[in-house]
PDB file of all heavy atoms in Angstrom:
ATOM      1  N   ALA A   1      13.251  -2.689  -3.916  1.00  0.00           N
ATOM      2  CA  ALA A   1      12.039  -1.867  -3.982  1.00  0.00           C
ATOM      3  C   ALA A   1      11.385  -1.708  -2.614  1.00  0.00           C
ATOM      4  O   ALA A   1      10.889  -0.626  -2.281  1.00  0.00           O
ATOM      5  CB  ALA A   1      11.051  -2.489  -4.976  1.00  0.00           C
ATOM      6  N   ASP A   2      11.387  -2.764  -1.798  1.00  0.00           N
ATOM      7  CA  ASP A   2      10.750  -2.642  -0.490  1.00  0.00           C
ATOM      8  C   ASP A   2      11.517  -1.694   0.421  1.00  0.00           C
ATOM      9  O   ASP A   2      10.921  -0.965   1.225  1.00  0.00           O
ATOM     10  CB  ASP A   2      10.583  -4.017   0.165  1.00  0.00           C
ATOM     11  CG  ASP A   2      11.902  -4.742   0.360  1.00  0.00           C
ATOM     12  OD1 ASP A   2      12.733  -4.717  -0.551  1.00  0.00           O
ATOM     13  OD2 ASP A   2      12.089  -5.351   1.424  1.00  0.00           O
ATOM     14  N   ALA A   3      12.843  -1.661   0.276  1.00  0.00           N
ATOM     15  CA  ALA A   3      13.642  -0.720   1.063  1.00  0.00           C
ATOM     16  C   ALA A   3      13.373   0.716   0.621  1.00  0.00           C
ATOM     17  O   ALA A   3      13.347   1.637   1.447  1.00  0.00           O
ATOM     18  CB  ALA A   3      15.130  -1.048   0.926  1.00  0.00           C
ATOM     19  N   VAL A   4      13.167   0.915  -0.674  1.00  0.00           N
ATOM     20  CA  VAL A   4      12.847   2.248  -1.189  1.00  0.00           C
ATOM     21  C   VAL A   4      11.513   2.725  -0.625  1.00  0.00           C
ATOM     22  O   VAL A   4      11.379   3.867  -0.181  1.00  0.00           O
ATOM     23  CB  VAL A   4      12.825   2.245  -2.733  1.00  0.00           C
ATOM     24  CG1 VAL A   4      12.310   3.572  -3.271  1.00  0.00           C
ATOM     25  CG2 VAL A   4      14.222   1.972  -3.289  1.00  0.00           C
ATOM     26  N   VAL A   5      10.516   1.848  -0.616  1.00  0.00           N
ATOM     27  CA  VAL A   5       9.210   2.204  -0.056  1.00  0.00           C
ATOM     28  C   VAL A   5       9.351   2.565   1.417  1.00  0.00           C
ATOM     29  O   VAL A   5       8.819   3.575   1.889  1.00  0.00           O
ATOM     30  CB  VAL A   5       8.208   1.044  -0.233  1.00  0.00           C
ATOM     31  CG1 VAL A   5       6.931   1.315   0.560  1.00  0.00           C
ATOM     32  CG2 VAL A   5       7.869   0.858  -1.708  1.00  0.00           C
ATOM     33  N   ALA A   6      10.104   1.758   2.148  1.00  0.00           N
ATOM     34  CA  ALA A   6      10.278   2.001   3.582  1.00  0.00           C
ATOM     35  C   ALA A   6      11.008   3.312   3.856  1.00  0.00           C
ATOM     36  O   ALA A   6      10.828   3.912   4.922  1.00  0.00           O
ATOM     37  CB  ALA A   6      11.033   0.838   4.217  1.00  0.00           C
ATOM     38  N   SER A   7      11.793   3.789   2.896  1.00  0.00           N
ATOM     39  CA  SER A   7      12.542   5.034   3.084  1.00  0.00           C
ATOM     40  C   SER A   7      11.669   6.273   2.914  1.00  0.00           C
ATOM     41  O   SER A   7      12.083   7.379   3.257  1.00  0.00           O
ATOM     42  CB  SER A   7      13.716   5.097   2.099  1.00  0.00           C
ATOM     43  OG  SER A   7      13.264   5.386   0.782  1.00  0.00           O
ATOM     44  N   GLY A   8      10.455   6.097   2.344  1.00  0.00           N
ATOM     45  CA  GLY A   8       9.552   7.228   2.200  1.00  0.00           C
ATOM     46  C   GLY A   8       9.240   7.625   0.772  1.00  0.00           C
ATOM     47  O   GLY A   8       8.890   8.775   0.508  1.00  0.00           O
ATOM     48  N   ILE A   9       9.343   6.689  -0.162  1.00  0.00           N
ATOM     49  CA  ILE A   9       9.034   6.953  -1.566  1.00  0.00           C
ATOM     50  C   ILE A   9       7.858   6.081  -1.984  1.00  0.00           C
ATOM     51  O   ILE A   9       7.887   4.856  -1.820  1.00  0.00           O
ATOM     52  CB  ILE A   9      10.243   6.672  -2.482  1.00  0.00           C
ATOM     53  CG1 ILE A   9      11.406   7.597  -2.129  1.00  0.00           C
ATOM     54  CG2 ILE A   9       9.862   6.841  -3.950  1.00  0.00           C
ATOM     55  CD1 ILE A   9      12.667   7.344  -2.929  1.00  0.00           C
ATOM     56  N   GLY A  10       6.805   6.706  -2.516  1.00  0.00           N
ATOM     57  CA  GLY A  10       5.652   5.982  -3.044  1.00  0.00           C
ATOM     58  C   GLY A  10       5.619   6.076  -4.557  1.00  0.00           C
ATOM     59  O   GLY A  10       6.043   7.079  -5.133  1.00  0.00           O
ATOM     60  N   HIS A  11       5.113   5.032  -5.203  1.00  0.00           N
ATOM     61  CA  HIS A  11       5.115   4.967  -6.668  1.00  0.00           C
ATOM     62  C   HIS A  11       3.727   4.551  -7.148  1.00  0.00           C
ATOM     63  O   HIS A  11       3.217   3.502  -6.749  1.00  0.00           O
ATOM     64  CB  HIS A  11       6.173   3.954  -7.124  1.00  0.00           C
ATOM     65  CG  HIS A  11       6.361   3.891  -8.610  1.00  0.00           C
ATOM     66  ND1 HIS A  11       7.299   3.084  -9.200  1.00  0.00           N
ATOM     67  CD2 HIS A  11       5.752   4.541  -9.635  1.00  0.00           C
ATOM     68  CE1 HIS A  11       7.249   3.226 -10.517  1.00  0.00           C
ATOM     69  NE2 HIS A  11       6.309   4.098 -10.799  1.00  0.00           N
ATOM     70  N   VAL A  12       3.116   5.390  -7.982  1.00  0.00           N
ATOM     71  CA  VAL A  12       1.840   5.060  -8.635  1.00  0.00           C
ATOM     72  C   VAL A  12       2.163   4.768 -10.098  1.00  0.00           C
ATOM     73  O   VAL A  12       2.429   5.681 -10.876  1.00  0.00           O
ATOM     74  CB  VAL A  12       0.824   6.211  -8.531  1.00  0.00           C
ATOM     75  CG1 VAL A  12      -0.499   5.815  -9.180  1.00  0.00           C
ATOM     76  CG2 VAL A  12       0.610   6.611  -7.075  1.00  0.00           C
ATOM     77  N   PRO A  13       2.164   3.502 -10.505  1.00  0.00           N
ATOM     78  CA  PRO A  13       2.629   3.156 -11.849  1.00  0.00           C
ATOM     79  C   PRO A  13       1.633   3.533 -12.936  1.00  0.00           C
ATOM     80  O   PRO A  13       0.440   3.740 -12.666  1.00  0.00           O
ATOM     81  CB  PRO A  13       2.806   1.638 -11.778  1.00  0.00           C
ATOM     82  CG  PRO A  13       1.832   1.205 -10.735  1.00  0.00           C
ATOM     83  CD  PRO A  13       1.792   2.323  -9.724  1.00  0.00           C
ATOM     84  N   GLU A  14       2.123   3.598 -14.154  1.00  0.00           N
ATOM     85  CA  GLU A  14       1.243   3.809 -15.301  1.00  0.00           C
ATOM     86  C   GLU A  14       0.265   2.636 -15.408  1.00  0.00           C
ATOM     87  O   GLU A  14       0.641   1.472 -15.216  1.00  0.00           O
ATOM     88  CB  GLU A  14       2.066   3.905 -16.584  1.00  0.00           C
ATOM     89  CG  GLU A  14       1.241   4.143 -17.834  1.00  0.00           C
ATOM     90  CD  GLU A  14       2.081   4.204 -19.101  1.00  0.00           C
ATOM     91  OE1 GLU A  14       3.317   4.065 -19.009  1.00  0.00           O
ATOM     92  OE2 GLU A  14       1.490   4.386 -20.177  1.00  0.00           O
ATOM     93  N   GLY A  15      -0.987   2.942 -15.684  1.00  0.00           N
ATOM     94  CA  GLY A  15      -1.982   1.882 -15.794  1.00  0.00           C
ATOM     95  C   GLY A  15      -2.545   1.435 -14.468  1.00  0.00           C
ATOM     96  O   GLY A  15      -3.298   0.468 -14.391  1.00  0.00           O
ATOM     97  N   ARG A  16      -2.139   2.119 -13.379  1.00  0.00           N
ATOM     98  CA  ARG A  16      -2.678   1.925 -12.016  1.00  0.00           C
ATOM     99  C   ARG A  16      -2.210   0.641 -11.361  1.00  0.00           C
ATOM    100  O   ARG A  16      -1.790   0.630 -10.236  1.00  0.00           O
ATOM    101  CB  ARG A  16      -4.206   2.000 -12.017  1.00  0.00           C
ATOM    102  CG  ARG A  16      -4.704   3.336 -12.538  1.00  0.00           C
ATOM    103  CD  ARG A  16      -6.028   3.219 -13.260  1.00  0.00           C
ATOM    104  NE  ARG A  16      -6.277   4.394 -14.089  1.00  0.00           N
ATOM    105  CZ  ARG A  16      -7.178   4.435 -15.041  1.00  0.00           C
ATOM    106  NH1 ARG A  16      -7.933   3.390 -15.289  1.00  0.00           N
ATOM    107  NH2 ARG A  16      -7.328   5.529 -15.758  1.00  0.00           N
ATOM    108  N   GLU A  17      -2.349  -0.517 -12.048  1.00  0.00           N
ATOM    109  CA  GLU A  17      -1.891  -1.810 -11.534  1.00  0.00           C
ATOM    110  C   GLU A  17      -2.455  -2.123 -10.153  1.00  0.00           C
ATOM    111  O   GLU A  17      -1.745  -2.609  -9.270  1.00  0.00           O
ATOM    112  CB  GLU A  17      -0.357  -1.871 -11.541  1.00  0.00           C
ATOM    113  CG  GLU A  17       0.222  -1.810 -12.941  1.00  0.00           C
ATOM    114  CD  GLU A  17       1.710  -2.107 -12.996  1.00  0.00           C
ATOM    115  OE1 GLU A  17       2.256  -2.583 -11.983  1.00  0.00           O
ATOM    116  OE2 GLU A  17       2.323  -1.842 -14.037  1.00  0.00           O
ATOM    117  N   ILE A  18      -3.727  -1.831  -9.979  1.00  0.00           N
ATOM    118  CA  ILE A  18      -4.401  -2.251  -8.757  1.00  0.00           C
ATOM    119  C   ILE A  18      -4.729  -3.740  -8.860  1.00  0.00           C
ATOM    120  O   ILE A  18      -4.671  -4.332  -9.938  1.00  0.00           O
ATOM    121  CB  ILE A  18      -5.688  -1.438  -8.524  1.00  0.00           C
ATOM    122  CG1 ILE A  18      -6.639  -1.595  -9.722  1.00  0.00           C
ATOM    123  CG2 ILE A  18      -5.376   0.026  -8.259  1.00  0.00           C
ATOM    124  CD1 ILE A  18      -7.998  -0.987  -9.515  1.00  0.00           C
ATOM    125  N   PHE A  19      -5.082  -4.344  -7.723  1.00  0.00           N
ATOM    126  CA  PHE A  19      -5.485  -5.748  -7.709  1.00  0.00           C
ATOM    127  C   PHE A  19      -6.995  -5.790  -7.937  1.00  0.00           C
ATOM    128  O   PHE A  19      -7.785  -5.533  -7.027  1.00  0.00           O
ATOM    129  CB  PHE A  19      -5.101  -6.385  -6.381  1.00  0.00           C
ATOM    130  CG  PHE A  19      -3.620  -6.423  -6.145  1.00  0.00           C
ATOM    131  CD1 PHE A  19      -3.014  -5.463  -5.358  1.00  0.00           C
ATOM    132  CD2 PHE A  19      -2.832  -7.399  -6.731  1.00  0.00           C
ATOM    133  CE1 PHE A  19      -1.643  -5.469  -5.144  1.00  0.00           C
ATOM    134  CE2 PHE A  19      -1.461  -7.426  -6.521  1.00  0.00           C
ATOM    135  CZ  PHE A  19      -0.864  -6.455  -5.733  1.00  0.00           C
ATOM    136  N   THR A  20      -7.383  -6.118  -9.159  1.00  0.00           N
ATOM    137  CA  THR A  20      -8.785  -5.964  -9.560  1.00  0.00           C
ATOM    138  C   THR A  20      -9.716  -6.917  -8.839  1.00  0.00           C
ATOM    139  O   THR A  20     -10.903  -6.622  -8.669  1.00  0.00           O
ATOM    140  CB  THR A  20      -8.939  -6.147 -11.079  1.00  0.00           C
ATOM    141  OG1 THR A  20      -8.392  -7.421 -11.463  1.00  0.00           O
ATOM    142  CG2 THR A  20      -8.210  -5.039 -11.833  1.00  0.00           C
ATOM    143  N   ASP A  21      -9.221  -8.088  -8.402  1.00  0.00           N
ATOM    144  CA  ASP A  21     -10.075  -9.052  -7.706  1.00  0.00           C
ATOM    145  C   ASP A  21     -10.153  -8.778  -6.210  1.00  0.00           C
ATOM    146  O   ASP A  21     -10.939  -9.416  -5.506  1.00  0.00           O
ATOM    147  CB  ASP A  21      -9.570 -10.475  -7.945  1.00  0.00           C
ATOM    148  CG  ASP A  21      -9.828 -10.943  -9.369  1.00  0.00           C
ATOM    149  OD1 ASP A  21     -10.782 -10.434  -9.987  1.00  0.00           O
ATOM    150  OD2 ASP A  21      -9.077 -11.805  -9.856  1.00  0.00           O
ATOM    151  N   PHE A  22      -9.317  -7.850  -5.716  1.00  0.00           N
ATOM    152  CA  PHE A  22      -9.365  -7.459  -4.315  1.00  0.00           C
ATOM    153  C   PHE A  22     -10.378  -6.333  -4.139  1.00  0.00           C
ATOM    154  O   PHE A  22     -10.660  -5.583  -5.069  1.00  0.00           O
ATOM    155  CB  PHE A  22      -8.004  -6.972  -3.835  1.00  0.00           C
ATOM    156  CG  PHE A  22      -6.970  -8.050  -3.647  1.00  0.00           C
ATOM    157  CD1 PHE A  22      -7.160  -9.337  -4.105  1.00  0.00           C
ATOM    158  CD2 PHE A  22      -5.783  -7.756  -3.001  1.00  0.00           C
ATOM    159  CE1 PHE A  22      -6.194 -10.317  -3.931  1.00  0.00           C
ATOM    160  CE2 PHE A  22      -4.815  -8.719  -2.817  1.00  0.00           C
ATOM    161  CZ  PHE A  22      -5.020 -10.007  -3.279  1.00  0.00           C
ATOM    162  N   THR A  23     -10.883  -6.188  -2.942  1.00  0.00           N
ATOM    163  CA  THR A  23     -11.736  -5.043  -2.647  1.00  0.00           C
ATOM    164  C   THR A  23     -10.878  -3.784  -2.514  1.00  0.00           C
ATOM    165  O   THR A  23      -9.640  -3.848  -2.451  1.00  0.00           O
ATOM    166  CB  THR A  23     -12.504  -5.245  -1.336  1.00  0.00           C
ATOM    167  OG1 THR A  23     -11.564  -5.276  -0.247  1.00  0.00           O
ATOM    168  CG2 THR A  23     -13.318  -6.525  -1.369  1.00  0.00           C
ATOM    169  N   VAL A  24     -11.552  -2.649  -2.468  1.00  0.00           N
ATOM    170  CA  VAL A  24     -10.849  -1.389  -2.230  1.00  0.00           C
ATOM    171  C   VAL A  24     -10.047  -1.467  -0.942  1.00  0.00           C
ATOM    172  O   VAL A  24      -8.862  -1.109  -0.894  1.00  0.00           O
ATOM    173  CB  VAL A  24     -11.860  -0.222  -2.170  1.00  0.00           C
ATOM    174  CG1 VAL A  24     -11.207   1.038  -1.616  1.00  0.00           C
ATOM    175  CG2 VAL A  24     -12.456   0.036  -3.555  1.00  0.00           C
ATOM    176  N   LEU A  25     -10.679  -1.949   0.114  1.00  0.00           N
ATOM    177  CA  LEU A  25     -10.005  -2.048   1.404  1.00  0.00           C
ATOM    178  C   LEU A  25      -8.801  -2.970   1.337  1.00  0.00           C
ATOM    179  O   LEU A  25      -7.730  -2.648   1.872  1.00  0.00           O
ATOM    180  CB  LEU A  25     -10.995  -2.550   2.459  1.00  0.00           C
ATOM    181  CG  LEU A  25     -10.435  -2.749   3.874  1.00  0.00           C
ATOM    182  CD1 LEU A  25      -9.875  -1.445   4.425  1.00  0.00           C
ATOM    183  CD2 LEU A  25     -11.509  -3.312   4.795  1.00  0.00           C
ATOM    184  N   GLU A  26      -8.939  -4.097   0.674  1.00  0.00           N
ATOM    185  CA  GLU A  26      -7.817  -5.044   0.568  1.00  0.00           C
ATOM    186  C   GLU A  26      -6.654  -4.434  -0.203  1.00  0.00           C
ATOM    187  O   GLU A  26      -5.481  -4.650   0.142  1.00  0.00           O
ATOM    188  CB  GLU A  26      -8.289  -6.328  -0.090  1.00  0.00           C
ATOM    189  CG  GLU A  26      -9.173  -7.181   0.810  1.00  0.00           C
ATOM    190  CD  GLU A  26      -9.880  -8.293   0.070  1.00  0.00           C
ATOM    191  OE1 GLU A  26     -10.015  -8.216  -1.186  1.00  0.00           O
ATOM    192  OE2 GLU A  26     -10.319  -9.248   0.733  1.00  0.00           O
ATOM    193  N   ASN A  27      -6.936  -3.660  -1.253  1.00  0.00           N
ATOM    194  CA  ASN A  27      -5.872  -2.978  -1.989  1.00  0.00           C
ATOM    195  C   ASN A  27      -5.118  -2.020  -1.080  1.00  0.00           C
ATOM    196  O   ASN A  27      -3.882  -1.946  -1.117  1.00  0.00           O
ATOM    197  CB  ASN A  27      -6.454  -2.219  -3.182  1.00  0.00           C
ATOM    198  CG  ASN A  27      -6.503  -3.041  -4.455  1.00  0.00           C
ATOM    199  OD1 ASN A  27      -5.540  -3.086  -5.211  1.00  0.00           O
ATOM    200  ND2 ASN A  27      -7.634  -3.700  -4.683  1.00  0.00           N
ATOM    201  N   LEU A  28      -5.849  -1.280  -0.262  1.00  0.00           N
ATOM    202  CA  LEU A  28      -5.201  -0.332   0.640  1.00  0.00           C
ATOM    203  C   LEU A  28      -4.379  -1.054   1.699  1.00  0.00           C
ATOM    204  O   LEU A  28      -3.274  -0.603   2.047  1.00  0.00           O
ATOM    205  CB  LEU A  28      -6.252   0.560   1.291  1.00  0.00           C
ATOM    206  CG  LEU A  28      -7.010   1.497   0.346  1.00  0.00           C
ATOM    207  CD1 LEU A  28      -8.076   2.268   1.108  1.00  0.00           C
ATOM    208  CD2 LEU A  28      -6.047   2.467  -0.349  1.00  0.00           C
ATOM    209  N   LEU A  29      -4.866  -2.158   2.191  1.00  0.00           N
ATOM    210  CA  LEU A  29      -4.109  -2.921   3.183  1.00  0.00           C
ATOM    211  C   LEU A  29      -2.826  -3.479   2.583  1.00  0.00           C
ATOM    212  O   LEU A  29      -1.784  -3.536   3.260  1.00  0.00           O
ATOM    213  CB  LEU A  29      -4.978  -4.056   3.743  1.00  0.00           C
ATOM    214  CG  LEU A  29      -6.154  -3.613   4.617  1.00  0.00           C
ATOM    215  CD1 LEU A  29      -6.999  -4.814   5.009  1.00  0.00           C
ATOM    216  CD2 LEU A  29      -5.670  -2.861   5.851  1.00  0.00           C
ATOM    217  N   VAL A  30      -2.864  -3.885   1.313  1.00  0.00           N
ATOM    218  CA  VAL A  30      -1.641  -4.323   0.633  1.00  0.00           C
ATOM    219  C   VAL A  30      -0.645  -3.159   0.562  1.00  0.00           C
ATOM    220  O   VAL A  30       0.552  -3.323   0.811  1.00  0.00           O
ATOM    221  CB  VAL A  30      -1.951  -4.862  -0.775  1.00  0.00           C
ATOM    222  CG1 VAL A  30      -0.670  -5.046  -1.584  1.00  0.00           C
ATOM    223  CG2 VAL A  30      -2.694  -6.187  -0.687  1.00  0.00           C
ATOM    224  N   GLY A  31      -1.153  -1.967   0.239  1.00  0.00           N
ATOM    225  CA  GLY A  31      -0.273  -0.798   0.168  1.00  0.00           C
ATOM    226  C   GLY A  31       0.378  -0.478   1.493  1.00  0.00           C
ATOM    227  O   GLY A  31       1.496   0.042   1.538  1.00  0.00           O
ATOM    228  N   GLY A  32      -0.316  -0.804   2.593  1.00  0.00           N
ATOM    229  CA  GLY A  32       0.225  -0.506   3.911  1.00  0.00           C
ATOM    230  C   GLY A  32       0.805  -1.706   4.623  1.00  0.00           C
ATOM    231  O   GLY A  32       0.935  -1.685   5.851  1.00  0.00           O
ATOM    232  N   HIS A  33       1.188  -2.744   3.874  1.00  0.00           N
ATOM    233  CA  HIS A  33       1.606  -3.997   4.530  1.00  0.00           C
ATOM    234  C   HIS A  33       2.896  -3.850   5.326  1.00  0.00           C
ATOM    235  O   HIS A  33       3.185  -4.673   6.197  1.00  0.00           O
ATOM    236  CB  HIS A  33       1.751  -5.118   3.488  1.00  0.00           C
ATOM    237  CG  HIS A  33       3.016  -5.057   2.692  1.00  0.00           C
ATOM    238  ND1 HIS A  33       3.177  -4.208   1.629  1.00  0.00           N
ATOM    239  CD2 HIS A  33       4.183  -5.740   2.814  1.00  0.00           C
ATOM    240  CE1 HIS A  33       4.390  -4.370   1.124  1.00  0.00           C
ATOM    241  NE2 HIS A  33       5.011  -5.279   1.816  1.00  0.00           N
ATOM    242  N   THR A  34       3.693  -2.824   5.053  1.00  0.00           N
ATOM    243  CA  THR A  34       4.937  -2.625   5.807  1.00  0.00           C
ATOM    244  C   THR A  34       4.720  -1.826   7.089  1.00  0.00           C
ATOM    245  O   THR A  34       5.652  -1.676   7.885  1.00  0.00           O
ATOM    246  CB  THR A  34       5.984  -1.897   4.949  1.00  0.00           C
ATOM    247  OG1 THR A  34       5.481  -0.600   4.586  1.00  0.00           O
ATOM    248  CG2 THR A  34       6.291  -2.674   3.677  1.00  0.00           C
ATOM    249  N   LEU A  35       3.517  -1.309   7.291  1.00  0.00           N
ATOM    250  CA  LEU A  35       3.252  -0.471   8.460  1.00  0.00           C
ATOM    251  C   LEU A  35       3.118  -1.323   9.717  1.00  0.00           C
ATOM    252  O   LEU A  35       2.633  -2.462   9.664  1.00  0.00           O
ATOM    253  CB  LEU A  35       1.937   0.304   8.266  1.00  0.00           C
ATOM    254  CG  LEU A  35       1.874   1.365   7.183  1.00  0.00           C
ATOM    255  CD1 LEU A  35       0.438   1.878   7.055  1.00  0.00           C
ATOM    256  CD2 LEU A  35       2.807   2.525   7.497  1.00  0.00           C
ATOM    257  N   PRO A  36       3.489  -0.785  10.870  1.00  0.00           N
ATOM    258  CA  PRO A  36       3.095  -1.431  12.121  1.00  0.00           C
ATOM    259  C   PRO A  36       1.579  -1.503  12.196  1.00  0.00           C
ATOM    260  O   PRO A  36       0.883  -0.576  11.765  1.00  0.00           O
ATOM    261  CB  PRO A  36       3.657  -0.482  13.195  1.00  0.00           C
ATOM    262  CG  PRO A  36       4.722   0.300  12.506  1.00  0.00           C
ATOM    263  CD  PRO A  36       4.289   0.429  11.078  1.00  0.00           C
ATOM    264  N   ARG A  37       1.056  -2.593  12.722  1.00  0.00           N
ATOM    265  CA  ARG A  37      -0.397  -2.810  12.716  1.00  0.00           C
ATOM    266  C   ARG A  37      -1.145  -1.657  13.385  1.00  0.00           C
ATOM    267  O   ARG A  37      -2.236  -1.284  12.954  1.00  0.00           O
ATOM    268  CB  ARG A  37      -0.721  -4.130  13.404  1.00  0.00           C
ATOM    269  CG  ARG A  37      -2.189  -4.498  13.366  1.00  0.00           C
ATOM    270  CD  ARG A  37      -2.425  -5.914  13.789  1.00  0.00           C
ATOM    271  NE  ARG A  37      -1.799  -6.858  12.862  1.00  0.00           N
ATOM    272  CZ  ARG A  37      -1.902  -8.182  12.984  1.00  0.00           C
ATOM    273  NH1 ARG A  37      -2.598  -8.708  13.981  1.00  0.00           N
ATOM    274  NH2 ARG A  37      -1.306  -8.981  12.124  1.00  0.00           N
ATOM    275  N   ARG A  38      -0.547  -1.067  14.406  1.00  0.00           N
ATOM    276  CA  ARG A  38      -1.225   0.005  15.139  1.00  0.00           C
ATOM    277  C   ARG A  38      -1.417   1.258  14.287  1.00  0.00           C
ATOM    278  O   ARG A  38      -2.273   2.096  14.589  1.00  0.00           O
ATOM    279  CB  ARG A  38      -0.437   0.366  16.396  1.00  0.00           C
ATOM    280  CG  ARG A  38       0.939   0.963  16.117  1.00  0.00           C
ATOM    281  CD  ARG A  38       1.702   1.298  17.387  1.00  0.00           C
ATOM    282  NE  ARG A  38       2.995   1.892  17.091  1.00  0.00           N
ATOM    283  CZ  ARG A  38       4.097   1.197  16.853  1.00  0.00           C
ATOM    284  NH1 ARG A  38       4.056  -0.129  16.884  1.00  0.00           N
ATOM    285  NH2 ARG A  38       5.235   1.807  16.581  1.00  0.00           N
ATOM    286  N   ASP A  39      -0.607   1.402  13.203  1.00  0.00           N
ATOM    287  CA  ASP A  39      -0.693   2.599  12.367  1.00  0.00           C
ATOM    288  C   ASP A  39      -1.702   2.462  11.229  1.00  0.00           C
ATOM    289  O   ASP A  39      -2.037   3.458  10.578  1.00  0.00           O
ATOM    290  CB  ASP A  39       0.689   2.921  11.760  1.00  0.00           C
ATOM    291  CG  ASP A  39       1.706   3.327  12.810  1.00  0.00           C
ATOM    292  OD1 ASP A  39       1.286   3.664  13.936  1.00  0.00           O
ATOM    293  OD2 ASP A  39       2.913   3.303  12.495  1.00  0.00           O
ATOM    294  N   VAL A  40      -2.164   1.245  10.960  1.00  0.00           N
ATOM    295  CA  VAL A  40      -3.020   1.009   9.797  1.00  0.00           C
ATOM    296  C   VAL A  40      -4.350   1.761   9.885  1.00  0.00           C
ATOM    297  O   VAL A  40      -4.755   2.413   8.901  1.00  0.00           O
ATOM    298  CB  VAL A  40      -3.244  -0.499   9.586  1.00  0.00           C
ATOM    299  CG1 VAL A  40      -4.312  -0.760   8.519  1.00  0.00           C
ATOM    300  CG2 VAL A  40      -1.929  -1.169   9.184  1.00  0.00           C
ATOM    301  N   PRO A  41      -5.072   1.731  10.996  1.00  0.00           N
ATOM    302  CA  PRO A  41      -6.363   2.435  11.033  1.00  0.00           C
ATOM    303  C   PRO A  41      -6.245   3.920  10.717  1.00  0.00           C
ATOM    304  O   PRO A  41      -7.097   4.470   9.992  1.00  0.00           O
ATOM    305  CB  PRO A  41      -6.850   2.200  12.470  1.00  0.00           C
ATOM    306  CG  PRO A  41      -6.195   0.928  12.881  1.00  0.00           C
ATOM    307  CD  PRO A  41      -4.842   0.962  12.248  1.00  0.00           C
ATOM    308  N   ALA A  42      -5.207   4.584  11.216  1.00  0.00           N
ATOM    309  CA  ALA A  42      -5.036   6.018  10.956  1.00  0.00           C
ATOM    310  C   ALA A  42      -4.743   6.272   9.484  1.00  0.00           C
ATOM    311  O   ALA A  42      -5.239   7.258   8.904  1.00  0.00           O
ATOM    312  CB  ALA A  42      -3.917   6.587  11.821  1.00  0.00           C
ATOM    313  N   ARG A  43      -3.958   5.409   8.858  1.00  0.00           N
ATOM    314  CA  ARG A  43      -3.643   5.599   7.444  1.00  0.00           C
ATOM    315  C   ARG A  43      -4.886   5.330   6.585  1.00  0.00           C
ATOM    316  O   ARG A  43      -5.101   6.010   5.578  1.00  0.00           O
ATOM    317  CB  ARG A  43      -2.490   4.681   7.015  1.00  0.00           C
ATOM    318  CG  ARG A  43      -1.170   4.967   7.697  1.00  0.00           C
ATOM    319  CD  ARG A  43      -0.817   6.453   7.683  1.00  0.00           C
ATOM    320  NE  ARG A  43      -0.749   6.971   6.319  1.00  0.00           N
ATOM    321  CZ  ARG A  43      -0.976   8.238   5.992  1.00  0.00           C
ATOM    322  NH1 ARG A  43      -1.323   9.116   6.916  1.00  0.00           N
ATOM    323  NH2 ARG A  43      -0.861   8.643   4.738  1.00  0.00           N
ATOM    324  N   LEU A  44      -5.694   4.351   6.961  1.00  0.00           N
ATOM    325  CA  LEU A  44      -6.945   4.115   6.232  1.00  0.00           C
ATOM    326  C   LEU A  44      -7.873   5.312   6.363  1.00  0.00           C
ATOM    327  O   LEU A  44      -8.495   5.743   5.386  1.00  0.00           O
ATOM    328  CB  LEU A  44      -7.638   2.855   6.761  1.00  0.00           C
ATOM    329  CG  LEU A  44      -7.021   1.516   6.372  1.00  0.00           C
ATOM    330  CD1 LEU A  44      -7.735   0.388   7.114  1.00  0.00           C
ATOM    331  CD2 LEU A  44      -7.081   1.287   4.864  1.00  0.00           C
TER     332      LEU A  44
END
């Protein structure tokens, strides 16, 4: 699955499956955990 994400495929599952105890920002950072650190601010 991580190789699929890195290839350019994103998946929004049924029921959202967000991390409810994380903040909005923390959820987004999890989504971008494979990015080079320098790219994170632009994606946010």
